[in-house]
Structures are given as structure tokens and as C-alpha cells.
Amino acid sequence: MDPSRCILHSDMNSYYASVEMMLDPSLKGKPVAVCGSTEDRHGIVLAKSDLAKKAGVRTGMVNFEARRLCPGLIMVPPQYDQYLKYTKLAHQIYSRYTDLVEPFGMDECWLDVTGSAIYGTPLEIAESIRQTVKDELGLTVSIGVSFNKIFAKLGSDMKKPDAITEIREENFRDRVWPLDVGELLYVGAATRAKLARYGIRSIGDLANASPKALQHMLGINGLKLWHYANGTDHSRVMHQDFISPIKSIGHGVTCTADLETPDEVFRVMFELSQDVGHRLRLHGLMACGVQILVRSNDLYYSQYQCKLPFRTQLPNEIANAGFRLFQKRYQRSETIRAITIRGIDLVPQSEPEQLSMLVDYSKRERRIQLEDAVEDIRRRFGKRAISYACLLGHSKIPVDNRDLVALPGIMYQ
């Protein structure tokens, strides 16, 4: 292994399902799936135990299909507060060995233990972490040990559950190159299919392809993937206190019933925009554009975005822009099952703004003062203490803790 880099990647096995079985020992030894509520239209498998996986249950599968494949399947609702709790406890264990701990979603983390020789070799540290997580949390992890983040992540995927896999610089060609190219981080189904059209099916094929050809085929990402396959990823593991730069702020939901009218679509967008506007204010940011993602009841996704005539953090302006975009661009006849709205092209609130002769700024200032008052009331008395009249009644938005979940995003360079 490269003596200058010692990277671990820890992946908590079947995380949601494992937490549920740890909290309720009677579930151990049985096929378990964490599922969204069928009544709230979240009737899909969010996570499954190893026994459920062996029976053919897959993440994203609808509940009734999972039950058909595994008649003895035990379905439990998600407890997001517990998942967040045990994520934080696992991070506390990791931080005993290094302060370079970079989360990748709720259940995965990279650790740079290059400067942690006092705790042993990288393999000894990995074994200590594996055993400590099991002893203190009652959960298992799979850990990859390597000389860069990409191969450490690949190593944690190679042997599950409760295992350690090392990929060394001198043997990665033998261990990594024969694997399907889809095993490499950021090679999704579409990229895998495109590479296959050019005869690139293994990671070794990717490593030995022309970098220029890959860049022509996939843009800058093609060149990144070439470096990943050749073991020349030099991206650093970020400090545990690192706060990533925010590129967009959004909120989305799968509705409790299909949205059938434009009015219902607007109400959901306006409700979601309350949260978007709140978080823009919280981070001192303004949105210069809006993006919407719409999923119809046949699970077809449509995504659109537009520039705003002026930057904003006002929920009504975000919602109105998103709704205009929806009316202009969405042409499908199917009813709507899910909507996401985002503020994009974010800039600091303190950044100077070029004023426009076409905007009534006195009217906007009154609206801003109104939102300030609403924010103050919600901060003092709770989110549901005050609402707009158009949002009263049933808006087909489920009420739960789903917005607490942090999803995997990017690996920092």
C-alpha cells in the first residue's frame, strides 16, 4: 500500500434493517424489510435484511411484490430519528482514530488514517472499528482499506457483511480490473450502457481505454472515471467539521394521493417552497433560478429549470416560478405522484444586486417583511403555528420525519 495514503471506507450493513433488528431482537433470523406506508403512497422497500435479499427482495420494490417473493417477510415502518442517532454514534467511534471523517450518505464514511499509526496499521484500525461498532452499537460494518477513496469504497462493497477487504497498490490490477465497470463509483446504469456500446465492460477495459476518447464520450466525467480505474484518484478525505458548499436547496415529496388538478400541484409546490425559503434564509442564500422534478403515476420523471428575473428567498416567488415552469413545460396527461422544487444558482444574501427598473421593490419589501414575521412566529411557536389560507386543509402531503434523512451526494475532491 502507498505509505503516503491510508484510506478506509466504512459501510454499515443493511443499515435501516439492521437498526430495526437491533432495536427489536425478535426480528433477528427473520426476513425483514423497512417499508414506507402503503396508505401514504410510500409503499416501497427502503431497506432489507440479508435474508430478505436472498429471497429476491430489492430496494425500491413495491411492498406487494416483495411480499409475493417472500411470504414470510416482516415489514416495519422507518424510524428516521433512530437511524440518525446511530449514524452520529458511529461517527463518534470513527473520530476516535482520526478527525478526517467524510460522510457519504447516512451509513457510509471515508476515514483518512494516514496519520493514525499510533492506533496500529490500517488493517488493525479497520478491525478495531469493526469490532467496536459491533460491541457498542450492536451493528456490523464492512470496511475497505486502500490507498485512495475510490478503491476503499470498492473494497467495502466486495465482501459483506461484517468484513474487511484490502486493495493494495501492487495488486489492484488483479483484484479490481476484472470487475464489471458498473461496480465503479459513479458508473450508473446509463453510463455503463454507453460504455458497453464501445466495448468497455470491465474496469480494466476502462483503465486501458484512451483518455481522450473517454472525455469525448462522457465529458470531464470520462476523464475522472479513467483516473479512478487506474488508481490515480487523489481526492482528499474532508475534515469531520467540514461543511460542504451548498449548490441548491430543495424539498420533495411523494403525495398521499395523485395530484389531478393544477390547483393541487400549486398547493404542493407552495407548501414545499415554505421549507425551501426557510432554509435559504437559514443559510443566508438567495436563489437565482428554480428547478422542478415531477414524477407521474407511471413513475416517469420530468425535470425542468429556469432563471429568475431577480434573486429571491421568498416562498411565493419560488412556488410561482416553479408552477409557471410546470404549466409551460409539462405536457403529459398522467396524474402527478411526486414533486420536488429547488432553489438553484445560489448566491450569498450579502452579495450586491443589480436592481431592475421593471420590479416594484416597495411591494417586494412589504412581502419580505411579511415573511420575516411568519419566520419569527414559526421559530417561537413551531412550524405549524401559522400558515397561508390557501394551504389550509388536506394538501396530499404526508406528515412524517422524512425530511430528516440525508441522502448520499458527492465525494469531495
Protein backbone atom coordinates (compact mmCIF):
# COMPACT_ATOMS: atom_id res chain seq x y z
CA MET A 1 0.00 0.00 0.00
CA ASP A 2 1.15 3.55 -0.76
CA PRO A 3 2.72 4.65 2.53
CA SER A 4 1.58 8.23 1.92
CA ARG A 5 -2.14 7.34 1.83
CA CYS A 6 -4.14 5.03 4.12
CA ILE A 7 -7.86 5.35 3.44
CA LEU A 8 -10.74 3.38 4.96
CA HIS A 9 -14.33 3.25 3.78
CA SER A 10 -16.85 2.02 6.33
CA ASP A 11 -20.29 0.87 5.16
CA MET A 12 -22.90 -0.06 7.78
CA ASN A 13 -24.51 -3.28 6.52
CA SER A 14 -28.24 -3.23 5.58
CA TYR A 15 -28.38 -0.17 7.77
CA TYR A 16 -32.08 0.59 8.27
CA ALA A 17 -32.97 -3.09 8.62
CA SER A 18 -30.01 -3.73 10.95
CA VAL A 19 -31.04 -0.89 13.26
CA GLU A 20 -34.59 -2.27 13.37
CA MET A 21 -33.33 -5.77 14.28
CA MET A 22 -31.01 -4.36 16.91
CA LEU A 23 -33.88 -2.40 18.49
CA ASP A 24 -36.20 -5.43 18.31
CA PRO A 25 -34.17 -8.64 18.77
CA SER A 26 -37.24 -10.75 17.94
CA LEU A 27 -36.68 -9.79 14.29
CA LYS A 28 -33.24 -11.43 14.14
CA GLY A 29 -33.03 -14.51 11.97
CA LYS A 30 -36.12 -13.45 10.00
CA PRO A 31 -36.50 -11.71 6.63
CA VAL A 32 -37.10 -8.03 7.40
CA ALA A 33 -37.82 -5.05 5.18
CA VAL A 34 -38.17 -1.40 6.13
CA CYS A 35 -41.06 -0.12 4.05
CA GLY A 36 -42.84 3.15 3.51
CA SER A 37 -46.52 3.36 4.36
CA THR A 38 -48.81 1.99 1.66
CA GLU A 39 -51.53 4.41 2.76
CA ASP A 40 -49.19 7.35 2.24
CA ARG A 41 -48.12 6.08 -1.18
CA HIS A 42 -44.62 5.29 0.07
CA GLY A 43 -45.32 1.58 -0.30
CA ILE A 44 -41.86 0.55 -1.40
CA VAL A 45 -38.96 -1.28 0.20
CA LEU A 46 -36.48 1.24 1.62
CA ALA A 47 -34.06 -1.37 3.01
CA LYS A 48 -33.93 -5.11 3.54
CA SER A 49 -32.07 -7.65 5.65
CA ASP A 50 -29.73 -10.24 4.13
CA LEU A 51 -32.37 -12.97 4.43
CA ALA A 52 -34.88 -10.81 2.57
CA LYS A 53 -32.27 -10.05 -0.08
CA LYS A 54 -31.62 -13.76 -0.58
CA ALA A 55 -35.35 -14.24 -1.17
CA GLY A 56 -35.21 -11.72 -4.02
CA VAL A 57 -36.43 -8.61 -2.23
CA ARG A 58 -34.85 -5.47 -3.68
CA THR A 59 -34.67 -1.87 -2.54
CA GLY A 60 -37.29 0.18 -4.39
CA MET A 61 -39.58 -2.81 -4.94
CA VAL A 62 -43.26 -2.20 -4.16
CA ASN A 63 -44.49 -3.86 -0.97
CA PHE A 64 -46.91 -6.33 -2.52
CA GLU A 65 -44.25 -7.65 -4.91
CA ALA A 66 -41.78 -8.08 -2.03
CA ARG A 67 -44.43 -10.00 -0.08
CA ARG A 68 -45.10 -12.22 -3.10
CA LEU A 69 -41.40 -13.13 -3.40
CA CYS A 70 -41.01 -13.61 0.35
CA PRO A 71 -44.33 -14.61 2.00
CA GLY A 72 -42.76 -14.56 5.47
CA LEU A 73 -41.37 -11.05 5.04
CA ILE A 74 -41.78 -8.84 8.11
CA MET A 75 -42.40 -5.22 7.09
CA VAL A 76 -41.64 -2.44 9.56
CA PRO A 77 -42.02 1.35 9.18
CA PRO A 78 -38.90 3.53 9.12
CA GLN A 79 -37.65 5.22 12.29
CA TYR A 80 -35.53 8.02 10.88
CA ASP A 81 -34.73 9.52 14.27
CA GLN A 82 -33.13 6.23 15.31
CA TYR A 83 -31.13 5.95 12.08
CA LEU A 84 -29.78 9.46 12.59
CA LYS A 85 -28.95 8.65 16.22
CA TYR A 86 -26.87 5.58 15.34
CA THR A 87 -25.21 7.38 12.43
CA LYS A 88 -23.95 10.01 14.89
CA LEU A 89 -22.78 7.32 17.32
CA ALA A 90 -20.86 5.55 14.55
CA HIS A 91 -19.21 8.85 13.56
CA GLN A 92 -18.14 9.32 17.17
CA ILE A 93 -16.39 5.93 17.03
CA TYR A 94 -14.63 6.84 13.77
CA SER A 95 -13.43 10.14 15.25
CA ARG A 96 -11.50 8.27 17.96
CA TYR A 97 -8.99 7.30 15.28
CA THR A 98 -8.88 10.41 13.05
CA ASP A 99 -10.56 13.77 12.55
CA LEU A 100 -10.59 13.21 8.79
CA VAL A 101 -14.04 11.61 8.58
CA GLU A 102 -16.14 12.32 5.49
CA PRO A 103 -19.74 11.04 5.39
CA PHE A 104 -21.15 9.64 2.17
CA GLY A 105 -24.83 9.37 2.95
CA MET A 106 -26.21 8.21 6.26
CA ASP A 107 -24.47 4.84 6.53
CA GLU A 108 -21.10 5.30 4.82
CA CYS A 109 -17.92 7.20 5.69
CA TRP A 110 -14.38 7.63 4.44
CA LEU A 111 -11.59 7.88 7.02
CA ASP A 112 -8.04 9.00 6.33
CA VAL A 113 -5.88 7.16 8.88
CA THR A 114 -2.54 8.09 7.28
CA GLY A 115 -1.54 9.94 10.44
CA SER A 116 -3.06 7.44 12.86
CA ALA A 117 -0.19 4.95 13.14
CA ILE A 118 -0.38 5.22 16.93
CA TYR A 119 -3.52 3.06 16.71
CA GLY A 120 -1.88 0.40 14.56
CA THR A 121 -1.71 -0.47 10.88
CA PRO A 122 -4.63 0.42 8.60
CA LEU A 123 -5.85 -3.18 8.80
CA GLU A 124 -5.60 -3.16 12.60
CA ILE A 125 -7.53 0.12 12.78
CA ALA A 126 -10.19 -1.30 10.46
CA GLU A 127 -10.53 -4.40 12.65
CA SER A 128 -10.74 -2.25 15.79
CA ILE A 129 -13.51 -0.15 14.25
CA ARG A 130 -15.40 -3.22 13.04
CA GLN A 131 -15.33 -4.80 16.49
CA THR A 132 -16.10 -1.57 18.36
CA VAL A 133 -19.18 -0.84 16.23
CA LYS A 134 -20.39 -4.38 16.87
CA ASP A 135 -19.73 -4.25 20.63
CA GLU A 136 -21.03 -0.74 21.33
CA LEU A 137 -23.83 -0.34 18.79
CA GLY A 138 -24.84 -3.91 18.02
CA LEU A 139 -24.37 -3.24 14.28
CA THR A 140 -21.95 -4.56 11.67
CA VAL A 141 -19.82 -2.73 9.12
CA SER A 142 -17.89 -3.73 6.05
CA ILE A 143 -14.66 -1.81 5.64
CA GLY A 144 -12.50 -1.28 2.58
CA VAL A 145 -8.82 -0.48 3.09
CA SER A 146 -6.84 1.06 0.27
CA PHE A 147 -4.59 3.87 -0.92
CA ASN A 148 -7.39 6.06 -2.30
CA LYS A 149 -11.08 6.74 -1.69
CA ILE A 150 -12.38 5.03 -4.82
CA PHE A 151 -10.74 1.66 -4.12
CA ALA A 152 -11.54 1.87 -0.39
CA LYS A 153 -15.21 2.27 -1.33
CA LEU A 154 -14.91 -0.60 -3.80
CA GLY A 155 -13.31 -2.76 -1.12
CA SER A 156 -16.19 -2.21 1.32
CA ASP A 157 -18.58 -3.42 -1.40
CA MET A 158 -16.61 -6.56 -2.27
CA LYS A 159 -17.29 -8.57 0.87
CA LYS A 160 -20.41 -8.22 3.03
CA PRO A 161 -21.50 -8.33 5.78
CA ASP A 162 -19.11 -7.75 8.69
CA ALA A 163 -15.88 -7.97 6.70
CA ILE A 164 -12.66 -6.16 5.85
CA THR A 165 -11.18 -6.08 2.34
CA GLU A 166 -7.82 -4.60 1.45
CA ILE A 167 -6.88 -3.42 -2.03
CA ARG A 168 -3.19 -2.65 -2.29
CA GLU A 169 -1.37 -0.60 -4.90
CA GLU A 170 0.64 -3.61 -6.02
CA ASN A 171 -2.39 -5.87 -6.54
CA PHE A 172 -5.29 -3.62 -7.58
CA ARG A 173 -4.98 -4.57 -11.24
CA ASP A 174 -5.54 -8.24 -10.37
CA ARG A 175 -8.36 -7.53 -7.91
CA VAL A 176 -10.15 -4.57 -9.46
CA TRP A 177 -9.71 -4.68 -13.22
CA PRO A 178 -11.69 -7.92 -13.80
CA LEU A 179 -14.78 -6.43 -12.11
CA ASP A 180 -17.76 -5.16 -14.09
CA VAL A 181 -17.36 -1.45 -14.86
CA GLY A 182 -20.69 -0.84 -13.13
CA GLU A 183 -19.03 -1.63 -9.79
CA LEU A 184 -17.01 1.59 -10.01
CA LEU A 185 -18.31 4.61 -8.11
CA TYR A 186 -20.37 6.96 -10.30
CA VAL A 187 -20.82 4.46 -13.13
CA GLY A 188 -24.60 4.23 -13.18
CA ALA A 189 -26.83 2.25 -15.50
CA ALA A 190 -26.82 4.87 -18.29
CA THR A 191 -23.02 5.30 -18.22
CA ARG A 192 -22.50 1.52 -18.06
CA ALA A 193 -24.73 1.05 -21.12
CA LYS A 194 -22.92 3.78 -23.04
CA LEU A 195 -19.50 2.32 -22.22
CA ALA A 196 -20.71 -1.13 -23.27
CA ARG A 197 -21.56 0.21 -26.73
CA TYR A 198 -17.86 0.95 -27.12
CA GLY A 199 -16.78 -2.46 -25.83
CA ILE A 200 -15.87 -1.24 -22.34
CA ARG A 201 -17.38 -3.77 -19.94
CA SER A 202 -14.82 -4.20 -17.15
CA ILE A 203 -12.92 -1.73 -15.01
CA GLY A 204 -9.77 -2.96 -16.78
CA ASP A 205 -11.31 -2.08 -20.15
CA LEU A 206 -11.98 1.40 -18.81
CA ALA A 207 -8.44 1.74 -17.43
CA ASN A 208 -6.91 0.77 -20.77
CA ALA A 209 -9.17 2.95 -22.91
CA SER A 210 -8.00 6.21 -24.44
CA PRO A 211 -8.49 9.11 -22.00
CA LYS A 212 -9.26 11.43 -24.91
CA ALA A 213 -11.88 9.04 -26.27
CA LEU A 214 -13.50 8.77 -22.83
CA GLN A 215 -13.55 12.54 -22.45
CA HIS A 216 -15.14 12.89 -25.88
CA MET A 217 -17.71 10.23 -24.92
CA LEU A 218 -18.55 11.35 -21.37
CA GLY A 219 -17.07 14.82 -20.99
CA ILE A 220 -14.94 15.62 -17.95
CA ASN A 221 -16.52 12.69 -16.10
CA GLY A 222 -14.98 10.29 -18.62
CA LEU A 223 -11.51 11.53 -17.67
CA LYS A 224 -12.34 11.23 -13.96
CA LEU A 225 -13.50 7.63 -14.40
CA TRP A 226 -10.28 6.80 -16.26
CA HIS A 227 -8.26 8.08 -13.29
CA TYR A 228 -10.49 6.13 -10.90
CA ALA A 229 -9.94 2.88 -12.82
CA ASN A 230 -6.18 3.43 -12.90
CA GLY A 231 -5.87 4.08 -9.18
CA THR A 232 -4.86 7.70 -9.62
CA ASP A 233 -7.69 9.26 -7.63
CA HIS A 234 -6.09 11.81 -5.29
CA SER A 235 -9.26 13.27 -3.77
CA ARG A 236 -8.84 14.04 -0.10
CA VAL A 237 -10.94 12.96 2.85
CA MET A 238 -12.56 16.06 4.31
CA HIS A 239 -12.32 17.08 7.98
CA GLN A 240 -15.22 15.99 10.18
CA ASP A 241 -16.21 19.65 10.73
CA PHE A 242 -16.24 20.44 7.03
CA ILE A 243 -19.49 21.94 5.79
CA SER A 244 -19.95 21.43 2.08
CA PRO A 245 -20.76 24.41 -0.11
CA ILE A 246 -24.47 24.45 -0.85
CA LYS A 247 -25.25 24.39 -4.57
CA SER A 248 -29.02 24.05 -4.32
CA ILE A 249 -31.73 23.86 -1.69
CA GLY A 250 -34.83 21.83 -2.38
CA HIS A 251 -37.64 19.81 -0.91
CA GLY A 252 -39.64 16.99 -2.45
CA VAL A 253 -42.42 14.63 -1.53
CA THR A 254 -44.38 11.63 -2.75
CA CYS A 255 -48.02 12.61 -2.29
CA THR A 256 -50.60 10.64 -0.34
CA ALA A 257 -52.82 10.63 -3.45
CA ASP A 258 -52.24 11.60 -7.07
CA LEU A 259 -52.44 15.30 -7.91
CA GLU A 260 -55.17 15.67 -10.51
CA THR A 261 -55.60 19.42 -10.96
CA PRO A 262 -53.27 22.41 -11.46
CA ASP A 263 -54.55 23.84 -8.17
CA GLU A 264 -53.40 20.73 -6.28
CA VAL A 265 -49.99 20.94 -7.96
CA PHE A 266 -49.60 24.59 -6.94
CA ARG A 267 -50.61 23.89 -3.33
CA VAL A 268 -47.95 21.18 -3.02
CA MET A 269 -45.31 23.41 -4.65
CA PHE A 270 -46.22 26.28 -2.33
CA GLU A 271 -46.06 24.03 0.73
CA LEU A 272 -42.66 22.67 -0.32
CA SER A 273 -41.44 26.20 -1.06
CA GLN A 274 -42.08 27.17 2.58
CA ASP A 275 -39.27 24.82 3.55
CA VAL A 276 -37.03 25.92 0.66
CA GLY A 277 -37.44 29.58 1.59
CA HIS A 278 -36.81 28.84 5.28
CA ARG A 279 -33.56 27.04 4.54
CA LEU A 280 -32.39 29.74 2.13
CA ARG A 281 -32.85 32.25 4.95
CA LEU A 282 -31.16 29.95 7.43
CA HIS A 283 -28.04 29.75 5.24
CA GLY A 284 -28.09 33.40 4.16
CA LEU A 285 -28.53 32.50 0.48
CA MET A 286 -30.64 33.69 -2.43
CA ALA A 287 -31.82 31.62 -5.41
CA CYS A 288 -31.27 32.94 -8.93
CA GLY A 289 -33.14 30.03 -10.52
CA VAL A 290 -35.74 27.36 -9.86
CA GLN A 291 -35.76 23.68 -10.76
CA ILE A 292 -38.70 21.27 -10.54
CA LEU A 293 -38.79 17.49 -10.79
CA VAL A 294 -42.16 15.88 -11.49
CA ARG A 295 -42.92 12.15 -11.32
CA SER A 296 -46.16 10.94 -12.85
CA ASN A 297 -48.14 7.96 -11.57
CA ASP A 298 -46.45 5.71 -14.17
CA LEU A 299 -43.11 6.65 -12.47
CA TYR A 300 -41.92 8.75 -15.44
CA TYR A 301 -39.62 11.60 -14.34
CA SER A 302 -39.58 15.06 -15.91
CA GLN A 303 -37.13 17.78 -14.84
CA TYR A 304 -37.18 21.45 -15.81
CA GLN A 305 -35.43 24.59 -14.66
CA CYS A 306 -35.41 28.31 -15.37
CA LYS A 307 -33.63 31.52 -14.44
CA LEU A 308 -35.42 34.03 -12.22
CA PRO A 309 -35.70 37.71 -13.19
CA PHE A 310 -34.32 38.55 -9.74
CA ARG A 311 -32.80 36.57 -6.91
CA THR A 312 -35.11 35.54 -4.10
CA GLN A 313 -35.73 33.50 -0.97
CA LEU A 314 -39.47 34.21 -0.83
CA PRO A 315 -41.60 31.03 -0.89
CA ASN A 316 -44.36 32.55 -3.04
CA GLU A 317 -41.89 33.68 -5.71
CA ILE A 318 -40.21 30.26 -5.76
CA ALA A 319 -43.56 28.46 -5.93
CA ASN A 320 -44.96 30.77 -8.62
CA ALA A 321 -41.85 30.31 -10.78
CA GLY A 322 -41.99 26.55 -10.35
CA PHE A 323 -45.71 26.44 -11.18
CA ARG A 324 -45.26 28.58 -14.31
CA LEU A 325 -42.50 26.22 -15.37
CA PHE A 326 -44.78 23.24 -14.78
CA GLN A 327 -47.63 24.76 -16.80
CA LYS A 328 -45.33 25.69 -19.66
CA ARG A 329 -43.26 22.52 -19.93
CA TYR A 330 -45.18 19.55 -18.51
CA GLN A 331 -47.22 18.00 -21.32
CA ARG A 332 -48.04 14.52 -20.02
CA SER A 333 -51.65 13.52 -19.31
CA GLU A 334 -50.89 11.24 -16.34
CA THR A 335 -51.66 12.44 -12.83
CA ILE A 336 -48.76 13.52 -10.61
CA ARG A 337 -47.38 11.27 -7.87
CA ALA A 338 -44.32 13.21 -6.63
CA ILE A 339 -42.90 16.73 -6.87
CA THR A 340 -39.57 18.30 -5.92
CA ILE A 341 -38.82 22.03 -6.12
CA ARG A 342 -35.35 23.55 -5.69
CA GLY A 343 -33.75 26.94 -5.48
CA ILE A 344 -30.65 26.82 -7.70
CA ASP A 345 -27.76 29.08 -8.76
CA LEU A 346 -27.40 30.23 -5.16
CA VAL A 347 -25.56 33.41 -4.16
CA PRO A 348 -24.84 34.91 -0.72
CA GLN A 349 -27.56 37.21 0.57
CA SER A 350 -24.89 39.84 1.26
CA GLU A 351 -23.74 39.95 -2.38
CA PRO A 352 -24.65 43.24 -4.15
CA GLU A 353 -27.57 43.00 -6.59
CA GLN A 354 -28.18 44.84 -9.85
CA LEU A 355 -31.60 46.45 -9.49
CA SER A 356 -34.20 46.32 -12.27
CA MET A 357 -36.46 49.14 -13.44
CA LEU A 358 -39.23 46.57 -14.00
CA VAL A 359 -39.55 45.38 -10.39
CA ASP A 360 -41.74 47.06 -7.76
CA TYR A 361 -39.24 46.88 -4.89
CA SER A 362 -41.55 48.58 -2.39
CA LYS A 363 -44.08 45.76 -2.87
CA ARG A 364 -41.33 43.15 -2.56
CA GLU A 365 -40.07 44.81 0.61
CA ARG A 366 -43.53 44.50 2.18
CA ARG A 367 -43.59 40.83 1.21
CA ILE A 368 -40.15 40.31 2.76
CA GLN A 369 -41.33 41.94 5.98
CA LEU A 370 -44.36 39.62 6.00
CA GLU A 371 -42.11 36.58 5.59
CA ASP A 372 -39.87 37.88 8.39
CA ALA A 373 -42.89 37.98 10.67
CA VAL A 374 -44.01 34.47 9.63
CA GLU A 375 -40.50 33.13 10.25
CA ASP A 376 -40.39 34.73 13.68
CA ILE A 377 -43.75 33.19 14.68
CA ARG A 378 -42.69 29.74 13.47
CA ARG A 379 -39.37 30.00 15.28
CA ARG A 380 -41.13 30.84 18.55
CA PHE A 381 -44.20 28.60 18.34
CA GLY A 382 -43.39 25.87 15.80
CA LYS A 383 -43.66 25.25 12.07
CA ARG A 384 -47.43 24.63 12.15
CA ALA A 385 -48.26 27.71 14.24
CA ILE A 386 -49.09 29.83 11.19
CA SER A 387 -49.93 29.02 7.60
CA TYR A 388 -51.27 30.64 4.44
CA ALA A 389 -55.02 30.29 3.93
CA CYS A 390 -54.54 28.55 0.57
CA LEU A 391 -52.62 25.78 2.34
CA LEU A 392 -55.30 25.01 4.92
CA GLY A 393 -56.99 21.64 4.58
CA HIS A 394 -55.67 18.45 3.06
CA SER A 395 -52.85 19.12 0.58
CA LYS A 396 -51.97 15.45 -0.07
CA ILE A 397 -48.59 15.88 1.62
CA PRO A 398 -47.65 13.20 4.19
CA VAL A 399 -46.67 14.34 7.65
CA ASP A 400 -43.64 12.46 8.97
CA ASN A 401 -39.89 12.87 9.57
CA ARG A 402 -38.85 12.02 6.04
CA ASP A 403 -37.14 15.37 5.52
CA LEU A 404 -34.62 14.47 8.25
CA VAL A 405 -32.86 11.94 6.04
CA ALA A 406 -29.55 12.92 4.47
CA LEU A 407 -29.02 11.26 1.12
CA PRO A 408 -25.65 10.47 -0.43
CA GLY A 409 -24.44 13.18 -2.73
CA ILE A 410 -20.93 13.99 -3.81
CA MET A 411 -17.44 12.89 -2.98
CA TYR A 412 -15.31 15.96 -2.31
CA GLN A 413 -12.14 16.44 -4.30
